Amino acid sequence: MTDRRPLGTGPVPTSAEADAKLPRVPRAQLAAERLHAAPAAAEPKPTPAVGRRALGAGPATPGR
């Protein structure tokens, strides 16, 4: 049978001093600090109409 206990109630008590040394930081801020900074695009670039699915492209005449 496994020994199940609620979190934080293990055989070694956690020290409150270790938590008091570090300031509290929201998790989202920590995750954002790990992301690489990339400059934002000024305007979105339109994708060129290339291929068979583009309107007006192909052997058929327009209007059919």
Protein backbone atom coordinates (compact mmCIF):
# COMPACT_ATOMS: atom_id res chain seq x y z
CA MET A 1 0.00 0.00 0.00
CA THR A 2 1.32 3.44 -0.86
CA ASP A 3 1.89 6.09 1.75
CA ARG A 4 -0.34 9.00 0.70
CA ARG A 5 -0.14 12.34 2.48
CA PRO A 6 -1.44 15.80 1.67
CA LEU A 7 1.13 18.06 0.00
CA GLY A 8 3.47 19.78 2.40
CA THR A 9 3.06 17.23 5.18
CA GLY A 10 6.05 15.03 4.32
CA PRO A 11 8.62 13.79 6.80
CA VAL A 12 10.81 16.88 6.29
CA PRO A 13 8.96 20.12 7.02
CA THR A 14 9.49 22.91 4.52
CA SER A 15 11.28 25.92 5.90
CA ALA A 16 9.39 29.20 5.85
CA GLU A 17 12.70 31.05 5.78
CA ALA A 18 13.49 29.86 2.25
CA ASP A 19 10.17 31.21 0.99
CA ALA A 20 10.61 34.52 2.81
CA LYS A 21 13.89 35.27 1.00
CA LEU A 22 12.40 35.32 -2.49
CA PRO A 23 9.70 37.86 -3.45
CA ARG A 24 6.46 36.50 -4.87
CA VAL A 25 6.32 36.65 -8.67
CA PRO A 26 3.26 35.72 -10.76
CA ARG A 27 3.74 32.60 -12.88
CA ALA A 28 2.77 34.41 -16.08
CA GLN A 29 5.58 36.88 -15.57
CA LEU A 30 8.08 34.05 -15.12
CA ALA A 31 6.87 32.38 -18.32
CA ALA A 32 7.08 35.65 -20.25
CA GLU A 33 10.68 36.14 -19.15
CA ARG A 34 11.60 32.84 -20.81
CA LEU A 35 10.21 33.89 -24.22
CA HIS A 36 12.50 35.40 -26.84
CA ALA A 37 11.76 39.00 -27.69
CA ALA A 38 10.72 39.47 -31.32
CA PRO A 39 9.91 42.82 -32.93
CA ALA A 40 6.28 43.26 -33.92
CA ALA A 41 5.50 43.63 -37.61
CA ALA A 42 4.39 47.11 -38.65
CA GLU A 43 1.79 45.82 -41.11
CA PRO A 44 0.81 42.27 -41.99
CA LYS A 45 2.21 41.21 -45.35
CA PRO A 46 -0.44 40.04 -47.82
CA THR A 47 0.17 36.59 -49.22
CA PRO A 48 0.53 36.52 -53.00
CA ALA A 49 -2.22 34.75 -54.95
CA VAL A 50 -0.32 31.87 -56.51
CA GLY A 51 -1.48 28.47 -57.58
CA ARG A 52 -4.58 26.78 -58.89
CA ARG A 53 -6.87 28.06 -56.16
CA ALA A 54 -6.27 31.74 -56.89
CA LEU A 55 -9.19 33.55 -58.50
CA GLY A 56 -8.67 34.22 -62.19
CA ALA A 57 -5.77 31.81 -62.46
CA GLY A 58 -5.89 28.84 -64.74
CA PRO A 59 -6.88 27.91 -68.29
CA ALA A 60 -10.58 28.77 -67.83
CA THR A 61 -11.72 32.23 -68.87
CA PRO A 62 -13.09 34.44 -66.08
CA GLY A 63 -16.87 34.54 -65.77
CA ARG A 64 -17.56 30.88 -66.36
